Amino acid sequence: MLNNFFKKVSFRIQRSVHQIQLRDGLCFVLRVFLPKLELSKGNVSLVICKTEEEMASDLFKEGFTGLGVALSESQLNAILSKLEQINCYDLNNKDKTVVDLSNPGKEVQLAHYDREDLLEIPEIVAIANDSRVLNAVSEYLGVKPTISNVNCWWSFGDRESAKEAQFYHRDLDDYKFLKMFFYLTDVNADSGPHIYVKGSHKVNELLELRRFSDEEVESKFDKITTLIEPKGSCFIEDTYGIHKGQLPLKGKRLLLQ
């Protein structure tokens, strides 16, 4: 119980630190107490169009690296097939209602799968542990990485307005972290593309813990990247950088994180 208390306090303190140089300084200190870099070898689960060095360089410079279509057709089909066998839920409903994907209802904006169910899918576990990705991530973080979470959710189109992470924001999951995303459906301009502001992970603008309007972001930044990509595509981000998942205009989008 005491350990959980200190974890909660530490998390709250971390979320109060917004200035980028201060966060980097705290990371420098914390690295002393964390496991050191170890090269990972042998697990090649993804089709990656970049070297480890290129991925790490992109992340340092832009906070973002795109890996192209990284899932094979067989991997993608296996993941989709297994997702069809488990429930997804409307987490905005206090009763955690199961969502009928064929008819989710206009009141449902997002439908999430349970992490425990996702971790039972071996293809997801394998791609999360690709050696080349782990090495690039280790280089960026400066320590041996850990996987803190796995998420997968549907975003539904033709809704009245954007909600939550469909507005621009910064994530404050930890002092330094990355997220790897996979499109599991084709994503065009109408189906809710992910949008990332390259370089914003190291700029002290719009640091508050809140949602930002398009106008606020566009007035401060110009390297705004909209990710229109086919299913199977992968990208890795420092999501302390400003980003959002666009509200789909029509159809639905499935994203694995």
Protein backbone atom coordinates (compact mmCIF):
# COMPACT_ATOMS: atom_id res chain seq x y z
CA MET A 1 0.00 0.00 0.00
CA LEU A 2 2.85 2.40 0.87
CA ASN A 3 4.56 1.61 -2.43
CA ASN A 4 1.38 2.48 -4.34
CA PHE A 5 1.10 5.73 -2.39
CA PHE A 6 4.62 6.80 -3.37
CA LYS A 7 3.96 5.85 -7.00
CA LYS A 8 0.87 8.05 -7.07
CA VAL A 9 2.71 10.96 -5.46
CA SER A 10 5.63 10.59 -7.87
CA PHE A 11 3.26 10.53 -10.84
CA ARG A 12 1.50 13.69 -9.68
CA ILE A 13 4.82 15.48 -9.18
CA GLN A 14 5.95 14.44 -12.67
CA ARG A 15 2.77 15.83 -14.21
CA SER A 16 3.46 19.20 -12.58
CA VAL A 17 6.85 19.56 -14.32
CA HIS A 18 6.26 21.11 -17.75
CA GLN A 19 9.40 23.10 -18.63
CA ILE A 20 11.37 20.97 -21.07
CA GLN A 21 14.89 21.73 -19.81
CA LEU A 22 13.82 20.88 -16.26
CA ARG A 23 12.30 17.59 -17.39
CA ASP A 24 15.51 16.75 -19.27
CA GLY A 25 17.58 17.59 -16.19
CA LEU A 26 15.51 15.30 -14.00
CA CYS A 27 15.89 12.53 -16.60
CA PHE A 28 19.67 12.96 -16.47
CA VAL A 29 19.61 12.39 -12.71
CA LEU A 30 17.15 9.48 -12.82
CA ARG A 31 19.26 7.60 -15.40
CA VAL A 32 21.87 7.01 -12.67
CA PHE A 33 19.41 4.75 -10.86
CA LEU A 34 17.92 2.92 -13.86
CA PRO A 35 19.15 -0.13 -15.84
CA LYS A 36 21.76 0.79 -18.43
CA LEU A 37 21.56 0.29 -22.17
CA GLU A 38 21.68 -3.27 -23.44
CA LEU A 39 21.60 -4.04 -27.16
CA SER A 40 18.67 -6.27 -28.05
CA LYS A 41 19.20 -8.94 -30.69
CA GLY A 42 17.30 -11.59 -32.57
CA ASN A 43 13.67 -10.48 -32.56
CA VAL A 44 12.84 -9.18 -36.04
CA SER A 45 9.05 -8.91 -36.08
CA LEU A 46 8.50 -5.82 -38.24
CA VAL A 47 9.27 -4.73 -41.78
CA ILE A 48 11.18 -1.52 -41.06
CA CYS A 49 12.36 0.91 -43.73
CA LYS A 50 14.97 2.62 -41.52
CA THR A 51 18.09 1.67 -39.57
CA GLU A 52 18.22 1.92 -35.78
CA GLU A 53 20.46 4.96 -36.14
CA GLU A 54 18.02 6.69 -38.48
CA MET A 55 15.10 6.04 -36.16
CA ALA A 56 16.97 7.42 -33.14
CA SER A 57 18.18 10.46 -35.11
CA ASP A 58 14.62 11.26 -36.22
CA LEU A 59 13.37 11.00 -32.64
CA PHE A 60 16.03 13.33 -31.25
CA LYS A 61 15.47 15.91 -33.98
CA GLU A 62 11.72 15.75 -34.64
CA GLY A 63 10.26 13.65 -31.81
CA PHE A 64 8.85 11.43 -34.55
CA THR A 65 9.93 8.66 -36.91
CA GLY A 66 7.76 6.98 -39.54
CA LEU A 67 8.48 3.34 -40.32
CA GLY A 68 6.20 2.82 -43.32
CA VAL A 69 4.07 -0.32 -43.64
CA ALA A 70 5.72 -2.36 -40.88
CA LEU A 71 3.13 -5.12 -40.44
CA SER A 72 2.98 -7.97 -42.92
CA GLU A 73 -0.40 -8.96 -44.30
CA SER A 74 -0.37 -12.14 -42.22
CA GLN A 75 0.43 -10.22 -39.00
CA LEU A 76 -2.29 -7.67 -39.69
CA ASN A 77 -4.89 -10.32 -40.49
CA ALA A 78 -3.97 -12.34 -37.39
CA ILE A 79 -4.36 -9.30 -35.13
CA LEU A 80 -7.67 -8.26 -36.71
CA SER A 81 -9.01 -11.81 -36.50
CA LYS A 82 -8.20 -12.06 -32.79
CA LEU A 83 -9.66 -8.63 -32.06
CA GLU A 84 -12.94 -9.84 -33.56
CA GLN A 85 -13.09 -12.46 -30.80
CA ILE A 86 -12.88 -10.04 -27.86
CA ASN A 87 -15.09 -7.23 -26.61
CA CYS A 88 -14.39 -3.52 -26.79
CA TYR A 89 -15.94 -1.00 -24.46
CA ASP A 90 -17.24 2.54 -24.19
CA LEU A 91 -15.07 3.83 -21.35
CA ASN A 92 -17.04 7.08 -21.13
CA ASN A 93 -19.94 5.04 -19.80
CA LYS A 94 -19.54 4.39 -16.06
CA ASP A 95 -20.88 0.87 -16.57
CA LYS A 96 -18.16 0.07 -19.18
CA THR A 97 -20.68 -0.91 -21.84
CA VAL A 98 -19.74 -3.42 -24.53
CA VAL A 99 -19.84 -1.73 -27.94
CA ASP A 100 -21.48 -3.35 -30.96
CA LEU A 101 -19.04 -2.36 -33.71
CA SER A 102 -21.64 -2.91 -36.42
CA ASN A 103 -23.95 -0.39 -34.74
CA PRO A 104 -22.14 1.54 -32.00
CA GLY A 105 -24.72 4.30 -31.64
CA LYS A 106 -24.19 8.03 -32.08
CA GLU A 107 -23.43 8.50 -28.38
CA VAL A 108 -20.29 6.30 -28.65
CA GLN A 109 -17.22 8.19 -29.86
CA LEU A 110 -14.46 5.71 -28.94
CA ALA A 111 -14.39 2.00 -28.16
CA HIS A 112 -11.41 0.50 -26.32
CA TYR A 113 -10.17 -3.05 -25.92
CA ASP A 114 -8.95 -4.24 -22.52
CA ARG A 115 -5.19 -4.33 -22.08
CA GLU A 116 -5.34 -7.80 -20.54
CA ASP A 117 -7.07 -9.13 -23.67
CA LEU A 118 -4.56 -7.41 -25.97
CA LEU A 119 -1.63 -9.00 -24.15
CA GLU A 120 -3.09 -12.42 -24.94
CA ILE A 121 -2.47 -11.76 -28.66
CA PRO A 122 1.06 -13.06 -29.40
CA GLU A 123 1.47 -10.97 -32.55
CA ILE A 124 1.03 -7.78 -30.50
CA VAL A 125 3.57 -8.88 -27.89
CA ALA A 126 6.06 -9.78 -30.63
CA ILE A 127 5.89 -6.46 -32.48
CA ALA A 128 6.24 -4.56 -29.20
CA ASN A 129 9.58 -6.32 -28.70
CA ASP A 130 11.24 -5.93 -32.12
CA SER A 131 14.97 -5.69 -31.36
CA ARG A 132 15.67 -2.83 -33.76
CA VAL A 133 12.89 -0.70 -32.30
CA LEU A 134 14.04 -1.44 -28.74
CA ASN A 135 17.60 -0.42 -29.61
CA ALA A 136 16.50 2.87 -31.21
CA VAL A 137 14.22 3.60 -28.26
CA SER A 138 17.01 2.77 -25.80
CA GLU A 139 19.30 5.22 -27.56
CA TYR A 140 16.69 7.95 -27.28
CA LEU A 141 15.77 7.31 -23.65
CA GLY A 142 19.32 6.63 -22.50
CA VAL A 143 18.20 3.62 -20.45
CA LYS A 144 16.75 0.16 -20.98
CA PRO A 145 13.09 0.72 -21.98
CA THR A 146 10.07 -0.87 -20.35
CA ILE A 147 6.62 -1.32 -21.89
CA SER A 148 4.20 0.50 -19.62
CA ASN A 149 0.96 0.09 -21.54
CA VAL A 150 -0.77 -1.38 -24.59
CA ASN A 151 -3.94 0.17 -26.02
CA CYS A 152 -6.17 -0.38 -29.03
CA TRP A 153 -9.30 1.54 -29.88
CA TRP A 154 -11.85 2.43 -32.53
CA SER A 155 -12.67 6.06 -33.37
CA PHE A 156 -16.07 6.56 -34.98
CA GLY A 157 -16.92 9.19 -37.57
CA ASP A 158 -19.89 11.47 -38.13
CA ARG A 159 -19.99 12.64 -34.51
CA GLU A 160 -21.08 16.07 -33.33
CA SER A 161 -17.70 17.28 -32.08
CA ALA A 162 -14.21 16.17 -31.08
CA LYS A 163 -13.57 14.86 -27.57
CA GLU A 164 -10.57 14.37 -25.28
CA ALA A 165 -7.45 13.32 -27.23
CA GLN A 166 -9.10 14.41 -30.49
CA PHE A 167 -7.92 17.89 -29.51
CA TYR A 168 -4.25 18.88 -29.54
CA HIS A 169 -2.45 18.05 -26.30
CA ARG A 170 0.78 16.88 -24.70
CA ASP A 171 1.01 13.55 -22.87
CA LEU A 172 2.56 13.46 -19.39
CA ASP A 173 2.91 9.71 -18.87
CA ASP A 174 6.46 10.01 -17.52
CA TYR A 175 9.52 12.27 -17.59
CA LYS A 176 10.63 10.71 -20.88
CA PHE A 177 8.75 8.16 -22.96
CA LEU A 178 7.76 7.14 -26.48
CA LYS A 179 4.68 5.62 -28.03
CA MET A 180 4.55 3.34 -31.04
CA PHE A 181 1.38 3.47 -33.16
CA PHE A 182 0.00 1.11 -35.82
CA TYR A 183 -2.87 1.86 -38.15
CA LEU A 184 -4.98 -1.31 -38.35
CA THR A 185 -7.31 0.24 -40.92
CA ASP A 186 -6.55 2.43 -43.93
CA VAL A 187 -6.49 6.08 -42.89
CA ASN A 188 -7.29 8.94 -45.25
CA ALA A 189 -8.12 12.61 -44.65
CA ASP A 190 -11.71 11.73 -43.65
CA SER A 191 -11.08 8.76 -41.36
CA GLY A 192 -9.33 10.46 -38.46
CA PRO A 193 -5.61 10.71 -39.24
CA HIS A 194 -3.14 11.13 -36.41
CA ILE A 195 -1.47 14.56 -36.41
CA TYR A 196 1.93 15.34 -34.87
CA VAL A 197 3.74 18.67 -34.51
CA LYS A 198 7.34 17.80 -35.32
CA GLY A 199 9.93 19.37 -33.05
CA SER A 200 7.37 20.43 -30.42
CA HIS A 201 8.84 17.89 -27.97
CA LYS A 202 11.70 20.35 -27.31
CA VAL A 203 9.95 23.73 -27.60
CA ASN A 204 8.68 25.60 -24.53
CA GLU A 205 5.40 26.70 -26.07
CA LEU A 206 1.92 25.57 -25.04
CA LEU A 207 3.15 23.60 -22.03
CA GLU A 208 -0.05 23.66 -19.97
CA LEU A 209 -1.81 20.43 -19.10
CA ARG A 210 -4.91 21.06 -21.20
CA ARG A 211 -6.33 20.73 -24.71
CA PHE A 212 -5.25 23.25 -27.34
CA SER A 213 -7.26 24.64 -30.23
CA ASP A 214 -6.09 24.29 -33.84
CA GLU A 215 -5.63 28.06 -33.96
CA GLU A 216 -3.34 28.07 -30.92
CA VAL A 217 -1.11 25.35 -32.34
CA GLU A 218 -1.01 26.76 -35.87
CA SER A 219 0.00 30.18 -34.52
CA LYS A 220 3.05 28.71 -32.76
CA PHE A 221 4.21 25.86 -35.02
CA ASP A 222 4.50 25.16 -38.74
CA LYS A 223 5.78 21.55 -38.90
CA ILE A 224 2.34 19.98 -38.48
CA THR A 225 2.31 16.49 -39.99
CA THR A 226 -0.93 14.70 -40.89
CA LEU A 227 -0.38 10.95 -41.17
CA ILE A 228 -2.43 9.61 -44.06
CA GLU A 229 -1.19 6.05 -44.38
CA PRO A 230 -2.42 2.54 -45.32
CA LYS A 231 -3.22 -0.12 -42.76
CA GLY A 232 -0.14 -1.76 -41.28
CA SER A 233 1.72 1.54 -41.10
CA CYS A 234 3.76 2.32 -38.00
CA PHE A 235 5.21 5.45 -36.44
CA ILE A 236 6.93 6.22 -33.14
CA GLU A 237 6.54 9.50 -31.27
CA ASP A 238 7.62 11.36 -28.20
CA THR A 239 4.08 12.33 -27.30
CA TYR A 240 5.22 15.03 -24.92
CA GLY A 241 5.27 16.70 -28.32
CA ILE A 242 1.92 18.18 -29.34
CA HIS A 243 -0.41 15.79 -31.18
CA LYS A 244 -3.98 14.64 -31.63
CA GLY A 245 -6.11 11.99 -33.27
CA GLN A 246 -8.36 13.86 -35.69
CA LEU A 247 -12.09 13.30 -35.30
CA PRO A 248 -13.14 11.08 -38.24
CA LEU A 249 -15.61 12.71 -40.60
CA LYS A 250 -16.96 9.34 -41.67
CA GLY A 251 -16.24 5.66 -41.27
CA LYS A 252 -14.11 4.42 -38.38
CA ARG A 253 -10.42 4.08 -37.57
CA LEU A 254 -8.66 1.35 -35.59
CA LEU A 255 -5.37 2.24 -33.90
CA LEU A 256 -2.97 0.06 -31.89
CA GLN A 257 -0.63 1.82 -29.44
